[in-house]
């Protein structure tokens, strides 16, 4: 897990996780939009929103029964 990746491949991996969570975890898309809007209004950085969002997507995938793809 300590493997470093370029920012481009890391971004693609994050987008893939977000896309899978949106497809397989019921309610993830609307919940994430609310989360993103709230943190934007609280003036959090874009990277903080993405990092927290990635963690939420992973949890959503785990409990959305898509854990065998992780």
PDB file of N, CA and C in Angstrom:
ATOM      1  N   UNK A   1       0.798  -1.203   0.000  1.00  0.00           N
ATOM      2  CA  UNK A   1       0.000   0.000   0.000  1.00  0.00           C
ATOM      3  C   UNK A   1       0.841   1.268   0.000  1.00  0.00           C
ATOM      4  N   UNK A   2       2.140   1.150   0.194  1.00  0.00           N
ATOM      5  CA  UNK A   2       3.008   2.314   0.200  1.00  0.00           C
ATOM      6  C   UNK A   2       3.506   2.668  -1.190  1.00  0.00           C
ATOM      7  N   UNK A   3       2.907   2.080  -2.200  1.00  0.00           N
ATOM      8  CA  UNK A   3       3.320   2.327  -3.568  1.00  0.00           C
ATOM      9  C   UNK A   3       2.849   3.712  -4.012  1.00  0.00           C
ATOM     10  N   UNK A   4       3.767   4.473  -4.577  1.00  0.00           N
ATOM     11  CA  UNK A   4       3.415   5.803  -5.061  1.00  0.00           C
ATOM     12  C   UNK A   4       2.943   5.719  -6.499  1.00  0.00           C
ATOM     13  N   UNK A   5       1.945   6.519  -6.825  1.00  0.00           N
ATOM     14  CA  UNK A   5       1.443   6.579  -8.190  1.00  0.00           C
ATOM     15  C   UNK A   5       1.485   8.010  -8.660  1.00  0.00           C
ATOM     16  N   UNK A   6       1.456   8.190  -9.945  1.00  0.00           N
ATOM     17  CA  UNK A   6       1.398   9.543 -10.467  1.00  0.00           C
ATOM     18  C   UNK A   6       0.020  10.105 -10.212  1.00  0.00           C
ATOM     19  N   UNK A   7      -0.096  11.405 -10.201  1.00  0.00           N
ATOM     20  CA  UNK A   7      -1.381  12.012  -9.886  1.00  0.00           C
ATOM     21  C   UNK A   7      -2.441  11.654 -10.919  1.00  0.00           C
ATOM     22  N   UNK A   8      -2.057  11.427 -12.152  1.00  0.00           N
ATOM     23  CA  UNK A   8      -3.019  11.063 -13.179  1.00  0.00           C
ATOM     24  C   UNK A   8      -3.630   9.699 -12.949  1.00  0.00           C
ATOM     25  N   UNK A   9      -2.813   8.703 -12.658  1.00  0.00           N
ATOM     26  CA  UNK A   9      -3.347   7.363 -12.431  1.00  0.00           C
ATOM     27  C   UNK A   9      -4.119   7.303 -11.123  1.00  0.00           C
ATOM     28  N   UNK A  10      -3.704   8.064 -10.137  1.00  0.00           N
ATOM     29  CA  UNK A  10      -4.420   8.121  -8.875  1.00  0.00           C
ATOM     30  C   UNK A  10      -5.804   8.730  -9.081  1.00  0.00           C
ATOM     31  N   UNK A  11      -5.881   9.765  -9.896  1.00  0.00           N
ATOM     32  CA  UNK A  11      -7.158  10.411 -10.183  1.00  0.00           C
ATOM     33  C   UNK A  11      -8.091   9.446 -10.892  1.00  0.00           C
ATOM     34  N   UNK A  12      -7.572   8.679 -11.836  1.00  0.00           N
ATOM     35  CA  UNK A  12      -8.395   7.710 -12.557  1.00  0.00           C
ATOM     36  C   UNK A  12      -8.906   6.640 -11.594  1.00  0.00           C
ATOM     37  N   UNK A  13      -8.061   6.175 -10.694  1.00  0.00           N
ATOM     38  CA  UNK A  13      -8.479   5.170  -9.716  1.00  0.00           C
ATOM     39  C   UNK A  13      -9.581   5.717  -8.817  1.00  0.00           C
ATOM     40  N   UNK A  14      -9.463   6.954  -8.383  1.00  0.00           N
ATOM     41  CA  UNK A  14     -10.492   7.567  -7.539  1.00  0.00           C
ATOM     42  C   UNK A  14     -11.798   7.694  -8.297  1.00  0.00           C
ATOM     43  N   UNK A  15     -11.733   8.115  -9.548  1.00  0.00           N
ATOM     44  CA  UNK A  15     -12.954   8.251 -10.347  1.00  0.00           C
ATOM     45  C   UNK A  15     -13.628   6.899 -10.537  1.00  0.00           C
ATOM     46  N   UNK A  16     -12.841   5.845 -10.687  1.00  0.00           N
ATOM     47  CA  UNK A  16     -13.401   4.512 -10.849  1.00  0.00           C
ATOM     48  C   UNK A  16     -14.122   4.075  -9.576  1.00  0.00           C
ATOM     49  N   UNK A  17     -13.534   4.348  -8.431  1.00  0.00           N
ATOM     50  CA  UNK A  17     -14.167   3.989  -7.162  1.00  0.00           C
ATOM     51  C   UNK A  17     -15.457   4.778  -6.975  1.00  0.00           C
ATOM     52  N   UNK A  18     -15.435   6.076  -7.297  1.00  0.00           N
ATOM     53  CA  UNK A  18     -16.647   6.888  -7.201  1.00  0.00           C
ATOM     54  C   UNK A  18     -17.731   6.361  -8.134  1.00  0.00           C
ATOM     55  N   UNK A  19     -17.352   6.000  -9.354  1.00  0.00           N
ATOM     56  CA  UNK A  19     -18.325   5.502 -10.334  1.00  0.00           C
ATOM     57  C   UNK A  19     -18.936   4.182  -9.862  1.00  0.00           C
ATOM     58  N   UNK A  20     -18.104   3.273  -9.353  1.00  0.00           N
ATOM     59  CA  UNK A  20     -18.614   1.991  -8.855  1.00  0.00           C
ATOM     60  C   UNK A  20     -19.543   2.197  -7.670  1.00  0.00           C
ATOM     61  N   UNK A  21     -19.171   3.095  -6.781  1.00  0.00           N
ATOM     62  CA  UNK A  21     -20.029   3.359  -5.616  1.00  0.00           C
ATOM     63  C   UNK A  21     -21.370   3.930  -6.064  1.00  0.00           C
ATOM     64  N   UNK A  22     -21.334   4.810  -7.053  1.00  0.00           N
ATOM     65  CA  UNK A  22     -22.582   5.379  -7.567  1.00  0.00           C
ATOM     66  C   UNK A  22     -23.486   4.344  -8.205  1.00  0.00           C
ATOM     67  N   UNK A  23     -22.885   3.335  -8.845  1.00  0.00           N
ATOM     68  CA  UNK A  23     -23.670   2.292  -9.508  1.00  0.00           C
ATOM     69  C   UNK A  23     -24.188   1.237  -8.545  1.00  0.00           C
ATOM     70  N   UNK A  24     -23.421   0.882  -7.534  1.00  0.00           N
ATOM     71  CA  UNK A  24     -23.757  -0.289  -6.734  1.00  0.00           C
ATOM     72  C   UNK A  24     -24.290   0.002  -5.342  1.00  0.00           C
ATOM     73  N   UNK A  25     -23.967   1.150  -4.766  1.00  0.00           N
ATOM     74  CA  UNK A  25     -24.425   1.456  -3.404  1.00  0.00           C
ATOM     75  C   UNK A  25     -25.647   2.367  -3.481  1.00  0.00           C
ATOM     76  N   UNK A  26     -26.796   1.870  -3.052  1.00  0.00           N
ATOM     77  CA  UNK A  26     -28.014   2.678  -3.132  1.00  0.00           C
ATOM     78  C   UNK A  26     -27.885   3.976  -2.342  1.00  0.00           C
ATOM     79  N   UNK A  27     -28.200   5.092  -2.967  1.00  0.00           N
ATOM     80  CA  UNK A  27     -28.198   6.388  -2.301  1.00  0.00           C
ATOM     81  C   UNK A  27     -26.846   7.074  -2.216  1.00  0.00           C
ATOM     82  N   UNK A  28     -25.793   6.453  -2.720  1.00  0.00           N
ATOM     83  CA  UNK A  28     -24.464   7.056  -2.599  1.00  0.00           C
ATOM     84  C   UNK A  28     -24.379   8.380  -3.350  1.00  0.00           C
ATOM     85  N   UNK A  29     -24.884   8.439  -4.556  1.00  0.00           N
ATOM     86  CA  UNK A  29     -24.745   9.643  -5.383  1.00  0.00           C
ATOM     87  C   UNK A  29     -25.384  10.862  -4.716  1.00  0.00           C
ATOM     88  N   UNK A  30     -26.594  10.719  -4.217  1.00  0.00           N
ATOM     89  CA  UNK A  30     -27.259  11.859  -3.589  1.00  0.00           C
ATOM     90  C   UNK A  30     -26.602  12.229  -2.260  1.00  0.00           C
ATOM     91  N   UNK A  31     -26.179  11.226  -1.510  1.00  0.00           N
ATOM     92  CA  UNK A  31     -25.505  11.486  -0.243  1.00  0.00           C
ATOM     93  C   UNK A  31     -24.183  12.203  -0.473  1.00  0.00           C
ATOM     94  N   UNK A  32     -23.433  11.778  -1.493  1.00  0.00           N
ATOM     95  CA  UNK A  32     -22.152  12.413  -1.781  1.00  0.00           C
ATOM     96  C   UNK A  32     -22.346  13.851  -2.259  1.00  0.00           C
ATOM     97  N   UNK A  33     -23.374  14.106  -3.043  1.00  0.00           N
ATOM     98  CA  UNK A  33     -23.641  15.477  -3.489  1.00  0.00           C
ATOM     99  C   UNK A  33     -23.927  16.387  -2.307  1.00  0.00           C
ATOM    100  N   UNK A  34     -24.706  15.910  -1.356  1.00  0.00           N
ATOM    101  CA  UNK A  34     -24.998  16.690  -0.147  1.00  0.00           C
ATOM    102  C   UNK A  34     -23.725  16.925   0.657  1.00  0.00           C
ATOM    103  N   UNK A  35     -22.930  15.887   0.815  1.00  0.00           N
ATOM    104  CA  UNK A  35     -21.657  15.976   1.525  1.00  0.00           C
ATOM    105  C   UNK A  35     -20.737  17.001   0.867  1.00  0.00           C
ATOM    106  N   UNK A  36     -20.605  16.916  -0.455  1.00  0.00           N
ATOM    107  CA  UNK A  36     -19.727  17.825  -1.196  1.00  0.00           C
ATOM    108  C   UNK A  36     -20.207  19.274  -1.077  1.00  0.00           C
ATOM    109  N   UNK A  37     -21.507  19.485  -1.174  1.00  0.00           N
ATOM    110  CA  UNK A  37     -22.072  20.834  -1.049  1.00  0.00           C
ATOM    111  C   UNK A  37     -21.810  21.409   0.341  1.00  0.00           C
ATOM    112  N   UNK A  38     -21.992  20.581   1.370  1.00  0.00           N
ATOM    113  CA  UNK A  38     -21.777  21.027   2.751  1.00  0.00           C
ATOM    114  C   UNK A  38     -20.325  21.438   2.976  1.00  0.00           C
ATOM    115  N   UNK A  39     -19.382  20.604   2.525  1.00  0.00           N
ATOM    116  CA  UNK A  39     -17.971  20.933   2.734  1.00  0.00           C
ATOM    117  C   UNK A  39     -17.532  22.126   1.894  1.00  0.00           C
ATOM    118  N   UNK A  40     -18.135  22.294   0.730  1.00  0.00           N
ATOM    119  CA  UNK A  40     -17.824  23.466  -0.096  1.00  0.00           C
ATOM    120  C   UNK A  40     -18.298  24.737   0.608  1.00  0.00           C
ATOM    121  N   UNK A  41     -19.489  24.692   1.179  1.00  0.00           N
ATOM    122  CA  UNK A  41     -20.002  25.852   1.904  1.00  0.00           C
ATOM    123  C   UNK A  41     -19.171  26.158   3.141  1.00  0.00           C
ATOM    124  N   UNK A  42     -18.571  25.137   3.711  1.00  0.00           N
ATOM    125  CA  UNK A  42     -17.696  25.333   4.874  1.00  0.00           C
ATOM    126  C   UNK A  42     -16.265  25.687   4.463  1.00  0.00           C
ATOM    127  N   UNK A  43     -16.068  25.864   3.172  1.00  0.00           N
ATOM    128  CA  UNK A  43     -14.797  26.309   2.579  1.00  0.00           C
ATOM    129  C   UNK A  43     -13.649  25.347   2.846  1.00  0.00           C
ATOM    130  N   UNK A  44     -13.929  24.058   2.727  1.00  0.00           N
ATOM    131  CA  UNK A  44     -12.871  23.063   2.829  1.00  0.00           C
ATOM    132  C   UNK A  44     -12.172  22.951   1.477  1.00  0.00           C
ATOM    133  N   UNK A  45     -10.944  22.507   1.485  1.00  0.00           N
ATOM    134  CA  UNK A  45     -10.183  22.414   0.243  1.00  0.00           C
ATOM    135  C   UNK A  45     -10.729  21.302  -0.648  1.00  0.00           C
ATOM    136  N   UNK A  46     -10.459  21.437  -1.941  1.00  0.00           N
ATOM    137  CA  UNK A  46     -10.915  20.437  -2.906  1.00  0.00           C
ATOM    138  C   UNK A  46     -10.302  19.068  -2.599  1.00  0.00           C
ATOM    139  N   UNK A  47      -9.026  19.061  -2.197  1.00  0.00           N
ATOM    140  CA  UNK A  47      -8.379  17.779  -1.901  1.00  0.00           C
ATOM    141  C   UNK A  47      -8.979  17.130  -0.654  1.00  0.00           C
ATOM    142  N   UNK A  48      -9.359  17.921   0.334  1.00  0.00           N
ATOM    143  CA  UNK A  48      -9.993  17.362   1.529  1.00  0.00           C
ATOM    144  C   UNK A  48     -11.333  16.727   1.168  1.00  0.00           C
ATOM    145  N   UNK A  49     -12.099  17.399   0.324  1.00  0.00           N
ATOM    146  CA  UNK A  49     -13.386  16.864  -0.111  1.00  0.00           C
ATOM    147  C   UNK A  49     -13.176  15.555  -0.867  1.00  0.00           C
ATOM    148  N   UNK A  50     -12.189  15.516  -1.747  1.00  0.00           N
ATOM    149  CA  UNK A  50     -11.924  14.307  -2.520  1.00  0.00           C
ATOM    150  C   UNK A  50     -11.443  13.163  -1.626  1.00  0.00           C
ATOM    151  N   UNK A  51     -10.566  13.461  -0.681  1.00  0.00           N
ATOM    152  CA  UNK A  51     -10.047  12.410   0.191  1.00  0.00           C
ATOM    153  C   UNK A  51     -11.129  11.843   1.112  1.00  0.00           C
ATOM    154  N   UNK A  52     -11.927  12.719   1.712  1.00  0.00           N
ATOM    155  CA  UNK A  52     -13.031  12.234   2.537  1.00  0.00           C
ATOM    156  C   UNK A  52     -14.038  11.478   1.675  1.00  0.00           C
ATOM    157  N   UNK A  53     -14.301  12.004   0.492  1.00  0.00           N
ATOM    158  CA  UNK A  53     -15.243  11.347  -0.421  1.00  0.00           C
ATOM    159  C   UNK A  53     -14.782   9.968  -0.835  1.00  0.00           C
ATOM    160  N   UNK A  54     -13.484   9.811  -1.055  1.00  0.00           N
ATOM    161  CA  UNK A  54     -12.941   8.505  -1.419  1.00  0.00           C
ATOM    162  C   UNK A  54     -13.158   7.503  -0.286  1.00  0.00           C
ATOM    163  N   UNK A  55     -12.944   7.941   0.924  1.00  0.00           N
ATOM    164  CA  UNK A  55     -13.178   7.054   2.070  1.00  0.00           C
ATOM    165  C   UNK A  55     -14.651   6.666   2.173  1.00  0.00           C
ATOM    166  N   UNK A  56     -15.529   7.623   1.963  1.00  0.00           N
ATOM    167  CA  UNK A  56     -16.969   7.341   2.011  1.00  0.00           C
ATOM    168  C   UNK A  56     -17.350   6.373   0.896  1.00  0.00           C
ATOM    169  N   UNK A  57     -16.768   6.552  -0.290  1.00  0.00           N
ATOM    170  CA  UNK A  57     -17.056   5.655  -1.414  1.00  0.00           C
ATOM    171  C   UNK A  57     -16.613   4.229  -1.104  1.00  0.00           C
ATOM    172  N   UNK A  58     -15.461   4.083  -0.484  1.00  0.00           N
ATOM    173  CA  UNK A  58     -14.973   2.747  -0.139  1.00  0.00           C
ATOM    174  C   UNK A  58     -15.882   2.074   0.883  1.00  0.00           C
ATOM    175  N   UNK A  59     -16.337   2.829   1.867  1.00  0.00           N
ATOM    176  CA  UNK A  59     -17.250   2.275   2.861  1.00  0.00           C
ATOM    177  C   UNK A  59     -18.576   1.908   2.197  1.00  0.00           C
ATOM    178  N   UNK A  60     -19.065   2.783   1.308  1.00  0.00           N
ATOM    179  CA  UNK A  60     -20.317   2.501   0.605  1.00  0.00           C
ATOM    180  C   UNK A  60     -20.196   1.246  -0.238  1.00  0.00           C
ATOM    181  N   UNK A  61     -19.063   1.066  -0.890  1.00  0.00           N
ATOM    182  CA  UNK A  61     -18.853  -0.149  -1.677  1.00  0.00           C
ATOM    183  C   UNK A  61     -18.820  -1.384  -0.784  1.00  0.00           C
ATOM    184  N   UNK A  62     -18.169  -1.258   0.344  1.00  0.00           N
ATOM    185  CA  UNK A  62     -18.077  -2.402   1.255  1.00  0.00           C
ATOM    186  C   UNK A  62     -19.458  -2.834   1.734  1.00  0.00           C
ATOM    187  N   UNK A  63     -20.243  -1.890   2.189  1.00  0.00           N
ATOM    188  CA  UNK A  63     -21.552  -2.233   2.707  1.00  0.00           C
ATOM    189  C   UNK A  63     -22.606  -2.374   1.617  1.00  0.00           C
ATOM    190  N   UNK A  64     -22.263  -1.963   0.384  1.00  0.00           N
ATOM    191  CA  UNK A  64     -23.167  -2.140  -0.743  1.00  0.00           C
ATOM    192  C   UNK A  64     -22.983  -3.490  -1.407  1.00  0.00           C
ATOM    193  N   UNK A  65     -22.261  -4.404  -0.750  1.00  0.00           N
ATOM    194  CA  UNK A  65     -22.017  -5.758  -1.226  1.00  0.00           C
ATOM    195  C   UNK A  65     -21.182  -5.813  -2.499  1.00  0.00           C
ATOM    196  N   UNK A  66     -20.398  -4.774  -2.749  1.00  0.00           N
ATOM    197  CA  UNK A  66     -19.479  -4.785  -3.885  1.00  0.00           C
ATOM    198  C   UNK A  66     -18.069  -4.990  -3.382  1.00  0.00           C
ATOM    199  N   UNK A  67     -17.893  -5.482  -2.169  1.00  0.00           N
ATOM    200  CA  UNK A  67     -16.578  -5.605  -1.546  1.00  0.00           C
ATOM    201  C   UNK A  67     -15.673  -6.604  -2.250  1.00  0.00           C
ATOM    202  N   UNK A  68     -16.199  -7.517  -3.011  1.00  0.00           N
ATOM    203  CA  UNK A  68     -15.348  -8.490  -3.687  1.00  0.00           C
ATOM    204  C   UNK A  68     -14.564  -7.875  -4.834  1.00  0.00           C
ATOM    205  N   UNK A  69     -14.893  -6.643  -5.248  1.00  0.00           N
ATOM    206  CA  UNK A  69     -14.165  -5.976  -6.333  1.00  0.00           C
ATOM    207  C   UNK A  69     -13.048  -5.090  -5.825  1.00  0.00           C
ATOM    208  N   UNK A  70     -12.946  -4.859  -4.535  1.00  0.00           N
ATOM    209  CA  UNK A  70     -11.925  -3.961  -3.998  1.00  0.00           C
ATOM    210  C   UNK A  70     -10.556  -4.532  -4.055  1.00  0.00           C
TER     211      UNK A  70
END
